[in-house]
Amino acid sequence: MKNNNIGQITQIVSVVVDVQFNGYVPAIYNALTVQLPRGGQIVLEVASLLGKDMVRTIAMGTTDGLKRGMEVVDTGSPISIPVGLESLGRIFNVLGEPIDNKGPVKSSRRDPIHRSAPTLVEQSNTASILETGIKVIDLISPFAKGGKVAAFGGAGTGKTVIMQELIRNIAEEHSGHSVFAGVGERTREGNDLY
């Protein structure tokens, strides 16, 4: 259904855009594109199905310039990002486009930004501790390898410093890789890490 499944914008509320299709309705997470009259395009991601011919989407950028009745094209696939060694040390936007002025990424593989979690069989069933190199964390609240952690605290309490130290220690002491995802003002920390 690539490039021949076309719909029209019916409603725009902030970054939420409703689109009506006459026929095939795109799948959840499919990327849709809208060409702007002054050049460029906006990518929408299907978030939910509203009925037999309507979808609700989230704009992956500003909705300035969008209006009701504009043509929307289903790409037939989800938003994907380059993966592999070529993407290490690079900075991407949510669409997988490099924004670090180093040119395009020459990666042979791209993966969708939404993926299923690994099955229990694929996961390790042995618990081991990740030595962070930060004594207070290793002693009081050690991290399990492969687990998730969160740092809560008020402004100016050192969350960013701990995060930067963890990334450094994982890279230098364990020869590991870290992925930093900055949202909103957190992109400032991404620039600091870069």
N, C-alpha and C. Protein backbone atom coordinates (compact mmCIF):
# COMPACT_ATOMS: atom_id res chain seq x y z
N MET A 1 0.81 -1.20 0.00
CA MET A 1 0.00 0.00 0.00
C MET A 1 0.85 1.26 0.00
N LYS A 2 2.11 1.14 -0.33
CA LYS A 2 3.01 2.29 -0.23
C LYS A 2 2.66 3.36 -1.26
N ASN A 3 2.51 4.60 -0.79
CA ASN A 3 2.30 5.80 -1.59
C ASN A 3 1.00 5.84 -2.38
N ASN A 4 0.13 4.85 -2.28
CA ASN A 4 -1.15 4.98 -2.95
C ASN A 4 -2.32 4.93 -1.97
N ASN A 5 -2.02 4.96 -0.69
CA ASN A 5 -3.05 5.04 0.33
C ASN A 5 -3.07 6.48 0.83
N ILE A 6 -4.05 7.24 0.39
CA ILE A 6 -4.08 8.68 0.65
C ILE A 6 -5.31 9.03 1.47
N GLY A 7 -5.10 9.91 2.47
CA GLY A 7 -6.20 10.40 3.29
C GLY A 7 -6.20 11.91 3.36
N GLN A 8 -7.11 12.44 4.18
CA GLN A 8 -7.21 13.89 4.36
C GLN A 8 -7.29 14.23 5.84
N ILE A 9 -6.68 15.34 6.21
CA ILE A 9 -6.74 15.82 7.59
C ILE A 9 -8.16 16.31 7.86
N THR A 10 -8.73 15.86 8.99
CA THR A 10 -10.08 16.31 9.37
C THR A 10 -10.06 17.19 10.61
N GLN A 11 -9.03 17.03 11.46
CA GLN A 11 -8.99 17.82 12.70
C GLN A 11 -7.55 17.93 13.18
N ILE A 12 -7.21 19.10 13.73
CA ILE A 12 -5.88 19.34 14.29
C ILE A 12 -6.06 19.97 15.66
N VAL A 13 -5.56 19.31 16.70
CA VAL A 13 -5.59 19.84 18.05
C VAL A 13 -4.18 19.71 18.61
N SER A 14 -3.45 20.81 18.61
CA SER A 14 -2.05 20.82 19.03
C SER A 14 -1.26 19.85 18.14
N VAL A 15 -0.64 18.81 18.72
CA VAL A 15 0.12 17.86 17.90
C VAL A 15 -0.69 16.63 17.53
N VAL A 16 -1.96 16.59 17.90
CA VAL A 16 -2.84 15.47 17.57
C VAL A 16 -3.59 15.81 16.29
N VAL A 17 -3.45 14.93 15.29
CA VAL A 17 -4.06 15.17 13.98
C VAL A 17 -4.91 13.95 13.61
N ASP A 18 -6.19 14.19 13.31
CA ASP A 18 -7.07 13.12 12.86
C ASP A 18 -7.09 13.10 11.34
N VAL A 19 -7.02 11.89 10.78
CA VAL A 19 -6.95 11.72 9.33
C VAL A 19 -8.00 10.70 8.90
N GLN A 20 -8.71 11.02 7.81
CA GLN A 20 -9.71 10.11 7.25
C GLN A 20 -9.18 9.51 5.96
N PHE A 21 -9.34 8.19 5.84
CA PHE A 21 -8.92 7.47 4.64
C PHE A 21 -10.14 6.88 3.95
N ASN A 22 -10.09 6.80 2.64
CA ASN A 22 -11.16 6.18 1.86
C ASN A 22 -10.68 4.82 1.40
N GLY A 23 -10.80 3.84 2.24
CA GLY A 23 -10.35 2.50 1.89
C GLY A 23 -9.50 1.92 3.00
N TYR A 24 -8.27 1.55 2.66
CA TYR A 24 -7.37 0.89 3.59
C TYR A 24 -6.94 1.87 4.69
N VAL A 25 -7.12 1.45 5.94
CA VAL A 25 -6.71 2.27 7.08
C VAL A 25 -5.30 1.83 7.50
N PRO A 26 -4.37 2.78 7.67
CA PRO A 26 -3.01 2.41 8.06
C PRO A 26 -2.96 1.70 9.42
N ALA A 27 -1.95 0.90 9.59
CA ALA A 27 -1.76 0.18 10.85
C ALA A 27 -1.25 1.14 11.93
N ILE A 28 -1.47 0.75 13.18
CA ILE A 28 -0.94 1.50 14.31
C ILE A 28 0.58 1.59 14.14
N TYR A 29 1.16 2.74 14.44
CA TYR A 29 2.58 3.08 14.35
C TYR A 29 3.06 3.35 12.92
N ASN A 30 2.21 3.22 11.91
CA ASN A 30 2.65 3.58 10.56
C ASN A 30 2.98 5.06 10.49
N ALA A 31 3.96 5.40 9.68
CA ALA A 31 4.31 6.80 9.46
C ALA A 31 3.51 7.33 8.27
N LEU A 32 2.96 8.52 8.44
CA LEU A 32 2.23 9.20 7.38
C LEU A 32 2.97 10.50 7.09
N THR A 33 2.91 10.97 5.85
CA THR A 33 3.58 12.22 5.51
C THR A 33 2.59 13.23 4.95
N VAL A 34 2.84 14.49 5.26
CA VAL A 34 2.04 15.60 4.74
C VAL A 34 3.02 16.59 4.11
N GLN A 35 2.85 16.88 2.83
CA GLN A 35 3.69 17.86 2.14
C GLN A 35 3.16 19.26 2.45
N LEU A 36 4.05 20.14 2.86
CA LEU A 36 3.65 21.51 3.17
C LEU A 36 3.70 22.37 1.91
N PRO A 37 2.80 23.34 1.79
CA PRO A 37 2.76 24.18 0.59
C PRO A 37 4.06 24.94 0.34
N ARG A 38 4.76 25.33 1.38
CA ARG A 38 6.00 26.10 1.24
C ARG A 38 7.25 25.21 1.19
N GLY A 39 7.05 23.93 1.01
CA GLY A 39 8.17 23.00 0.97
C GLY A 39 8.34 22.28 2.30
N GLY A 40 8.96 21.15 2.26
CA GLY A 40 9.16 20.34 3.45
C GLY A 40 7.96 19.44 3.70
N GLN A 41 8.08 18.64 4.72
CA GLN A 41 6.99 17.74 5.07
C GLN A 41 6.94 17.54 6.57
N ILE A 42 5.78 17.09 7.02
CA ILE A 42 5.58 16.75 8.43
C ILE A 42 5.26 15.26 8.48
N VAL A 43 5.87 14.55 9.41
CA VAL A 43 5.61 13.13 9.59
C VAL A 43 4.64 12.97 10.75
N LEU A 44 3.61 12.16 10.53
CA LEU A 44 2.62 11.82 11.55
C LEU A 44 2.75 10.33 11.85
N GLU A 45 2.53 9.95 13.10
CA GLU A 45 2.56 8.53 13.46
C GLU A 45 1.17 8.13 13.94
N VAL A 46 0.64 7.05 13.37
CA VAL A 46 -0.69 6.57 13.74
C VAL A 46 -0.65 6.07 15.18
N ALA A 47 -1.51 6.67 16.03
CA ALA A 47 -1.55 6.29 17.44
C ALA A 47 -2.76 5.43 17.77
N SER A 48 -3.89 5.66 17.08
CA SER A 48 -5.09 4.86 17.36
C SER A 48 -6.04 4.90 16.17
N LEU A 49 -6.90 3.90 16.13
CA LEU A 49 -7.94 3.83 15.12
C LEU A 49 -9.22 4.38 15.73
N LEU A 50 -9.86 5.33 15.05
CA LEU A 50 -11.06 5.96 15.59
C LEU A 50 -12.34 5.37 15.02
N GLY A 51 -12.25 4.61 14.00
CA GLY A 51 -13.41 4.02 13.36
C GLY A 51 -12.96 3.29 12.12
N LYS A 52 -13.91 2.97 11.25
CA LYS A 52 -13.55 2.17 10.08
C LYS A 52 -12.68 2.91 9.08
N ASP A 53 -12.69 4.25 9.09
CA ASP A 53 -11.88 4.97 8.11
C ASP A 53 -11.10 6.14 8.71
N MET A 54 -11.04 6.25 10.04
CA MET A 54 -10.37 7.38 10.70
C MET A 54 -9.24 6.89 11.59
N VAL A 55 -8.15 7.65 11.60
CA VAL A 55 -7.04 7.36 12.51
C VAL A 55 -6.67 8.64 13.25
N ARG A 56 -6.18 8.48 14.45
CA ARG A 56 -5.64 9.61 15.23
C ARG A 56 -4.13 9.47 15.22
N THR A 57 -3.46 10.56 14.90
CA THR A 57 -2.00 10.53 14.76
C THR A 57 -1.35 11.55 15.68
N ILE A 58 -0.08 11.37 15.89
CA ILE A 58 0.74 12.32 16.64
C ILE A 58 1.77 12.89 15.67
N ALA A 59 1.85 14.22 15.61
CA ALA A 59 2.81 14.87 14.72
C ALA A 59 4.20 14.78 15.34
N MET A 60 5.18 14.44 14.53
CA MET A 60 6.56 14.35 14.98
C MET A 60 7.30 15.67 14.76
N GLY A 61 6.61 16.74 14.93
CA GLY A 61 7.15 18.09 14.76
C GLY A 61 6.02 19.08 14.93
N THR A 62 6.29 20.32 14.62
CA THR A 62 5.27 21.36 14.76
C THR A 62 4.17 21.17 13.72
N THR A 63 2.95 21.51 14.09
CA THR A 63 1.83 21.40 13.16
C THR A 63 1.55 22.73 12.47
N ASP A 64 2.45 23.68 12.60
CA ASP A 64 2.29 24.96 11.90
C ASP A 64 2.22 24.71 10.40
N GLY A 65 1.24 25.28 9.75
CA GLY A 65 1.08 25.11 8.31
C GLY A 65 0.11 24.02 7.92
N LEU A 66 -0.30 23.18 8.88
CA LEU A 66 -1.29 22.15 8.57
C LEU A 66 -2.69 22.75 8.61
N LYS A 67 -3.57 22.25 7.75
CA LYS A 67 -4.97 22.68 7.80
C LYS A 67 -5.86 21.53 7.35
N ARG A 68 -7.12 21.62 7.68
CA ARG A 68 -8.08 20.59 7.31
C ARG A 68 -8.12 20.44 5.79
N GLY A 69 -8.27 19.20 5.36
CA GLY A 69 -8.37 18.91 3.94
C GLY A 69 -7.04 18.62 3.26
N MET A 70 -5.93 18.83 3.96
CA MET A 70 -4.62 18.55 3.34
C MET A 70 -4.46 17.05 3.11
N GLU A 71 -3.73 16.70 2.05
CA GLU A 71 -3.51 15.31 1.68
C GLU A 71 -2.45 14.68 2.57
N VAL A 72 -2.74 13.45 3.01
CA VAL A 72 -1.84 12.68 3.86
C VAL A 72 -1.54 11.36 3.16
N VAL A 73 -0.27 10.99 3.08
CA VAL A 73 0.14 9.76 2.40
C VAL A 73 0.67 8.76 3.42
N ASP A 74 0.15 7.54 3.36
CA ASP A 74 0.63 6.44 4.22
C ASP A 74 1.91 5.88 3.61
N THR A 75 2.99 5.86 4.39
CA THR A 75 4.26 5.31 3.89
C THR A 75 4.25 3.79 3.86
N GLY A 76 3.32 3.18 4.61
CA GLY A 76 3.24 1.72 4.64
C GLY A 76 4.18 1.08 5.62
N SER A 77 4.92 1.88 6.38
CA SER A 77 5.87 1.32 7.35
C SER A 77 6.01 2.27 8.53
N PRO A 78 6.51 1.76 9.66
CA PRO A 78 6.69 2.63 10.83
C PRO A 78 7.94 3.50 10.70
N ILE A 79 8.05 4.47 11.58
CA ILE A 79 9.27 5.28 11.67
C ILE A 79 10.40 4.34 12.09
N SER A 80 11.55 4.45 11.44
CA SER A 80 12.67 3.57 11.77
C SER A 80 13.94 4.40 11.92
N ILE A 81 14.88 3.81 12.64
CA ILE A 81 16.16 4.49 12.89
C ILE A 81 17.31 3.57 12.47
N PRO A 82 18.45 4.16 12.08
CA PRO A 82 19.60 3.33 11.72
C PRO A 82 20.18 2.68 12.97
N VAL A 83 20.58 1.42 12.84
CA VAL A 83 21.19 0.70 13.96
C VAL A 83 22.50 0.07 13.49
N GLY A 84 23.34 -0.25 14.43
CA GLY A 84 24.62 -0.86 14.12
C GLY A 84 25.76 0.03 14.55
N LEU A 85 26.96 -0.43 14.28
CA LEU A 85 28.16 0.31 14.68
C LEU A 85 28.22 1.70 14.06
N GLU A 86 27.63 1.87 12.88
CA GLU A 86 27.66 3.16 12.20
C GLU A 86 26.89 4.24 12.97
N SER A 87 25.97 3.83 13.82
CA SER A 87 25.16 4.81 14.55
C SER A 87 25.77 5.19 15.91
N LEU A 88 26.83 4.52 16.34
CA LEU A 88 27.46 4.85 17.61
C LEU A 88 28.08 6.24 17.55
N GLY A 89 27.85 7.04 18.57
CA GLY A 89 28.41 8.38 18.64
C GLY A 89 27.67 9.40 17.80
N ARG A 90 26.52 9.04 17.26
CA ARG A 90 25.76 9.95 16.42
C ARG A 90 24.55 10.47 17.18
N ILE A 91 24.01 11.61 16.73
CA ILE A 91 22.83 12.21 17.34
C ILE A 91 21.71 12.21 16.31
N PHE A 92 20.54 11.69 16.71
CA PHE A 92 19.40 11.57 15.80
C PHE A 92 18.18 12.28 16.38
N ASN A 93 17.29 12.70 15.49
CA ASN A 93 15.99 13.16 15.95
C ASN A 93 15.06 11.95 16.01
N VAL A 94 13.81 12.17 16.36
CA VAL A 94 12.87 11.06 16.55
C VAL A 94 12.60 10.31 15.25
N LEU A 95 12.88 10.93 14.11
CA LEU A 95 12.65 10.28 12.82
C LEU A 95 13.85 9.47 12.35
N GLY A 96 14.91 9.43 13.15
CA GLY A 96 16.11 8.69 12.76
C GLY A 96 17.01 9.46 11.82
N GLU A 97 16.78 10.76 11.69
CA GLU A 97 17.61 11.61 10.83
C GLU A 97 18.77 12.16 11.65
N PRO A 98 20.01 12.08 11.14
CA PRO A 98 21.14 12.61 11.91
C PRO A 98 21.05 14.13 12.00
N ILE A 99 21.33 14.65 13.21
CA ILE A 99 21.28 16.11 13.43
C ILE A 99 22.61 16.62 13.99
N ASP A 100 23.68 15.87 13.75
CA ASP A 100 24.98 16.25 14.29
C ASP A 100 25.92 16.82 13.24
N ASN A 101 25.40 17.14 12.06
CA ASN A 101 26.18 17.74 10.96
C ASN A 101 27.36 16.87 10.51
N LYS A 102 27.21 15.55 10.64
CA LYS A 102 28.26 14.63 10.17
C LYS A 102 27.83 13.89 8.91
N GLY A 103 26.74 14.32 8.30
CA GLY A 103 26.27 13.67 7.08
C GLY A 103 25.40 12.47 7.37
N PRO A 104 24.95 11.80 6.32
CA PRO A 104 24.06 10.65 6.50
C PRO A 104 24.79 9.46 7.13
N VAL A 105 24.01 8.61 7.79
CA VAL A 105 24.54 7.40 8.41
C VAL A 105 24.52 6.29 7.36
N LYS A 106 25.65 5.66 7.14
CA LYS A 106 25.76 4.60 6.14
C LYS A 106 25.50 3.25 6.80
N SER A 107 24.29 3.08 7.31
CA SER A 107 23.92 1.85 7.99
C SER A 107 23.10 0.98 7.05
N SER A 108 23.38 -0.31 7.05
CA SER A 108 22.65 -1.22 6.18
C SER A 108 21.35 -1.69 6.82
N ARG A 109 21.14 -1.36 8.08
CA ARG A 109 19.96 -1.85 8.78
C ARG A 109 19.26 -0.71 9.51
N ARG A 110 17.93 -0.73 9.44
CA ARG A 110 17.09 0.22 10.17
C ARG A 110 16.04 -0.59 10.93
N ASP A 111 15.78 -0.21 12.17
CA ASP A 111 14.76 -0.88 12.98
C ASP A 111 13.67 0.11 13.34
N PRO A 112 12.42 -0.38 13.46
CA PRO A 112 11.33 0.51 13.87
C PRO A 112 11.53 1.02 15.29
N ILE A 113 11.02 2.23 15.57
CA ILE A 113 11.20 2.80 16.90
C ILE A 113 10.33 2.10 17.94
N HIS A 114 9.30 1.37 17.51
CA HIS A 114 8.47 0.57 18.41
C HIS A 114 8.76 -0.90 18.14
N ARG A 115 9.19 -1.61 19.18
CA ARG A 115 9.48 -3.03 19.03
C ARG A 115 8.88 -3.78 20.20
N SER A 116 8.63 -5.06 19.99
CA SER A 116 8.14 -5.90 21.08
C SER A 116 9.27 -6.16 22.06
N ALA A 117 8.91 -6.32 23.32
CA ALA A 117 9.90 -6.66 24.34
C ALA A 117 10.40 -8.08 24.09
N PRO A 118 11.63 -8.38 24.49
CA PRO A 118 12.13 -9.75 24.31
C PRO A 118 11.31 -10.73 25.15
N THR A 119 11.15 -11.93 24.64
CA THR A 119 10.40 -12.95 25.38
C THR A 119 11.21 -13.38 26.60
N LEU A 120 10.55 -14.04 27.53
CA LEU A 120 11.24 -14.51 28.73
C LEU A 120 12.35 -15.50 28.39
N VAL A 121 12.16 -16.28 27.35
CA VAL A 121 13.18 -17.25 26.94
C VAL A 121 14.44 -16.53 26.46
N GLU A 122 14.27 -15.38 25.81
CA GLU A 122 15.41 -14.63 25.28
C GLU A 122 16.18 -13.89 26.37
N GLN A 123 15.55 -13.68 27.51
CA GLN A 123 16.18 -12.92 28.59
C GLN A 123 17.00 -13.84 29.48
N SER A 124 18.04 -13.28 30.06
CA SER A 124 18.87 -14.04 30.98
C SER A 124 18.12 -14.21 32.30
N ASN A 125 18.21 -15.40 32.86
CA ASN A 125 17.53 -15.64 34.14
C ASN A 125 18.49 -15.58 35.32
N THR A 126 19.73 -15.20 35.07
CA THR A 126 20.68 -15.05 36.16
C THR A 126 20.80 -13.58 36.53
N ALA A 127 20.77 -13.32 37.79
CA ALA A 127 20.89 -11.94 38.27
C ALA A 127 22.35 -11.65 38.60
N SER A 128 22.86 -10.58 38.04
CA SER A 128 24.20 -10.15 38.39
C SER A 128 24.19 -8.64 38.57
N ILE A 129 25.11 -8.18 39.36
CA ILE A 129 25.16 -6.76 39.73
C ILE A 129 26.10 -6.01 38.78
N LEU A 130 25.66 -4.83 38.35
CA LEU A 130 26.48 -3.96 37.53
C LEU A 130 27.25 -3.03 38.46
N GLU A 131 28.56 -3.14 38.45
CA GLU A 131 29.37 -2.23 39.27
C GLU A 131 29.47 -0.90 38.56
N THR A 132 28.86 0.12 39.14
CA THR A 132 28.79 1.43 38.50
C THR A 132 30.04 2.26 38.72
N GLY A 133 30.81 1.95 39.75
CA GLY A 133 31.96 2.77 40.08
C GLY A 133 31.60 3.93 40.99
N ILE A 134 30.32 4.06 41.30
CA ILE A 134 29.86 5.09 42.24
C ILE A 134 29.55 4.36 43.54
N LYS A 135 30.40 4.55 44.55
CA LYS A 135 30.35 3.72 45.75
C LYS A 135 29.00 3.74 46.46
N VAL A 136 28.38 4.90 46.58
CA VAL A 136 27.11 4.97 47.30
C VAL A 136 26.02 4.16 46.59
N ILE A 137 26.04 4.15 45.27
CA ILE A 137 25.05 3.35 44.52
C ILE A 137 25.37 1.87 44.66
N ASP A 138 26.63 1.50 44.46
CA ASP A 138 27.01 0.09 44.53
C ASP A 138 26.76 -0.51 45.91
N LEU A 139 26.86 0.29 46.97
CA LEU A 139 26.67 -0.20 48.33
C LEU A 139 25.20 -0.21 48.75
N ILE A 140 24.51 0.91 48.55
CA ILE A 140 23.15 1.05 49.09
C ILE A 140 22.08 0.55 48.14
N SER A 141 22.23 0.80 46.85
CA SER A 141 21.20 0.44 45.89
C SER A 141 21.83 -0.06 44.59
N PRO A 142 22.40 -1.26 44.61
CA PRO A 142 23.09 -1.76 43.42
C PRO A 142 22.12 -1.98 42.25
N PHE A 143 22.65 -1.82 41.03
CA PHE A 143 21.86 -2.00 39.82
C PHE A 143 22.04 -3.42 39.30
N ALA A 144 20.95 -4.04 38.87
CA ALA A 144 21.02 -5.35 38.23
C ALA A 144 21.37 -5.16 36.76
N LYS A 145 22.26 -5.99 36.23
CA LYS A 145 22.61 -5.91 34.81
C LYS A 145 21.36 -6.18 33.98
N GLY A 146 21.17 -5.35 32.98
CA GLY A 146 20.03 -5.51 32.09
C GLY A 146 18.74 -4.95 32.63
N GLY A 147 18.78 -4.38 33.83
CA GLY A 147 17.57 -3.83 34.43
C GLY A 147 17.37 -2.37 34.08
N LYS A 148 16.34 -1.81 34.65
CA LYS A 148 16.04 -0.39 34.45
C LYS A 148 16.19 0.32 35.78
N VAL A 149 16.65 1.56 35.72
CA VAL A 149 16.81 2.36 36.92
C VAL A 149 16.24 3.74 36.66
N ALA A 150 15.94 4.44 37.74
CA ALA A 150 15.43 5.81 37.63
C ALA A 150 16.06 6.65 38.72
N ALA A 151 16.26 7.92 38.43
CA ALA A 151 16.80 8.85 39.42
C ALA A 151 15.78 9.95 39.63
N PHE A 152 15.30 10.05 40.86
CA PHE A 152 14.32 11.07 41.21
C PHE A 152 14.96 12.08 42.14
N GLY A 153 14.59 13.32 41.98
CA GLY A 153 15.11 14.35 42.86
C GLY A 153 14.74 15.72 42.35
N GLY A 154 14.83 16.68 43.21
CA GLY A 154 14.50 18.05 42.85
C GLY A 154 15.58 18.66 41.97
N ALA A 155 15.33 19.90 41.58
CA ALA A 155 16.28 20.62 40.74
C ALA A 155 17.59 20.83 41.49
N GLY A 156 18.69 20.63 40.80
CA GLY A 156 20.01 20.89 41.38
C GLY A 156 20.50 19.86 42.36
N THR A 157 19.93 18.65 42.35
CA THR A 157 20.35 17.62 43.30
C THR A 157 21.39 16.65 42.74
N GLY A 158 21.78 16.82 41.47
CA GLY A 158 22.86 16.01 40.92
C GLY A 158 22.44 14.84 40.05
N LYS A 159 21.20 14.80 39.60
CA LYS A 159 20.75 13.69 38.75
C LYS A 159 21.56 13.62 37.45
N THR A 160 21.77 14.75 36.84
CA THR A 160 22.51 14.78 35.57
C THR A 160 23.96 14.37 35.77
N VAL A 161 24.57 14.80 36.85
CA VAL A 161 25.96 14.44 37.13
C VAL A 161 26.08 12.93 37.31
N ILE A 162 25.14 12.32 38.04
CA ILE A 162 25.17 10.87 38.24
C ILE A 162 25.00 10.16 36.90
N MET A 163 24.06 10.64 36.08
CA MET A 163 23.83 10.02 34.78
C MET A 163 25.10 10.09 33.91
N GLN A 164 25.74 11.25 33.87
CA GLN A 164 26.95 11.40 33.07
C GLN A 164 28.07 10.51 33.59
N GLU A 165 28.18 10.39 34.89
CA GLU A 165 29.21 9.52 35.48
C GLU A 165 28.93 8.05 35.17
N LEU A 166 27.65 7.65 35.21
CA LEU A 166 27.29 6.27 34.87
C LEU A 166 27.65 5.96 33.41
N ILE A 167 27.32 6.87 32.51
CA ILE A 167 27.63 6.66 31.10
C ILE A 167 29.14 6.54 30.90
N ARG A 168 29.90 7.41 31.55
CA ARG A 168 31.36 7.36 31.43
C ARG A 168 31.91 6.05 31.97
N ASN A 169 31.45 5.64 33.16
CA ASN A 169 31.95 4.41 33.77
C ASN A 169 31.60 3.18 32.95
N ILE A 170 30.39 3.12 32.41
CA ILE A 170 30.00 1.97 31.59
C ILE A 170 30.86 1.90 30.34
N ALA A 171 31.15 3.05 29.74
CA ALA A 171 31.97 3.07 28.53
C ALA A 171 33.42 2.70 28.82
N GLU A 172 34.00 3.28 29.87
CA GLU A 172 35.43 3.10 30.11
C GLU A 172 35.76 1.85 30.92
N GLU A 173 34.96 1.54 31.92
CA GLU A 173 35.27 0.41 32.80
C GLU A 173 34.73 -0.92 32.27
N HIS A 174 33.60 -0.88 31.56
CA HIS A 174 32.96 -2.12 31.12
C HIS A 174 32.94 -2.26 29.60
N SER A 175 33.55 -1.32 28.88
CA SER A 175 33.54 -1.32 27.41
C SER A 175 32.13 -1.47 26.87
N GLY A 176 31.19 -0.82 27.53
CA GLY A 176 29.78 -0.91 27.13
C GLY A 176 29.34 0.30 26.33
N HIS A 177 28.11 0.26 25.90
CA HIS A 177 27.51 1.35 25.14
C HIS A 177 26.29 1.85 25.90
N SER A 178 26.07 3.15 25.84
CA SER A 178 24.89 3.75 26.45
C SER A 178 24.12 4.52 25.39
N VAL A 179 22.81 4.54 25.56
CA VAL A 179 21.95 5.32 24.67
C VAL A 179 21.30 6.39 25.52
N PHE A 180 21.45 7.63 25.12
CA PHE A 180 20.84 8.75 25.83
C PHE A 180 19.68 9.26 25.00
N ALA A 181 18.49 9.31 25.59
CA ALA A 181 17.31 9.85 24.92
C ALA A 181 16.90 11.13 25.63
N GLY A 182 17.06 12.25 24.97
CA GLY A 182 16.73 13.54 25.57
C GLY A 182 15.38 14.02 25.09
N VAL A 183 14.53 14.40 26.02
CA VAL A 183 13.20 14.92 25.69
C VAL A 183 13.07 16.30 26.31
N GLY A 184 12.66 17.26 25.50
CA GLY A 184 12.48 18.62 26.01
C GLY A 184 13.80 19.23 26.42
N GLU A 185 13.86 19.73 27.65
CA GLU A 185 15.08 20.39 28.11
C GLU A 185 16.22 19.40 28.30
N ARG A 186 15.95 18.11 28.33
CA ARG A 186 17.00 17.10 28.51
C ARG A 186 17.96 17.07 27.33
N THR A 187 17.59 17.66 26.20
CA THR A 187 18.51 17.67 25.06
C THR A 187 19.77 18.45 25.38
N ARG A 188 19.69 19.36 26.35
CA ARG A 188 20.89 20.10 26.78
C ARG A 188 21.94 19.13 27.30
N GLU A 189 21.53 18.14 28.08
CA GLU A 189 22.48 17.15 28.59
C GLU A 189 23.08 16.34 27.45
N GLY A 190 22.29 16.06 26.42
CA GLY A 190 22.82 15.36 25.26
C GLY A 190 23.94 16.14 24.60
N ASN A 191 23.77 17.45 24.51
CA ASN A 191 24.83 18.29 23.96
C ASN A 191 26.07 18.26 24.84
N ASP A 192 25.87 18.24 26.17
CA ASP A 192 27.01 18.16 27.09
C ASP A 192 27.76 16.84 26.92
N LEU A 193 27.03 15.75 26.72
CA LEU A 193 27.66 14.45 26.55
C LEU A 193 28.40 14.36 25.23
N TYR A 194 27.90 15.04 24.23
CA TYR A 194 28.49 14.98 22.89
C TYR A 194 29.81 15.71 22.87
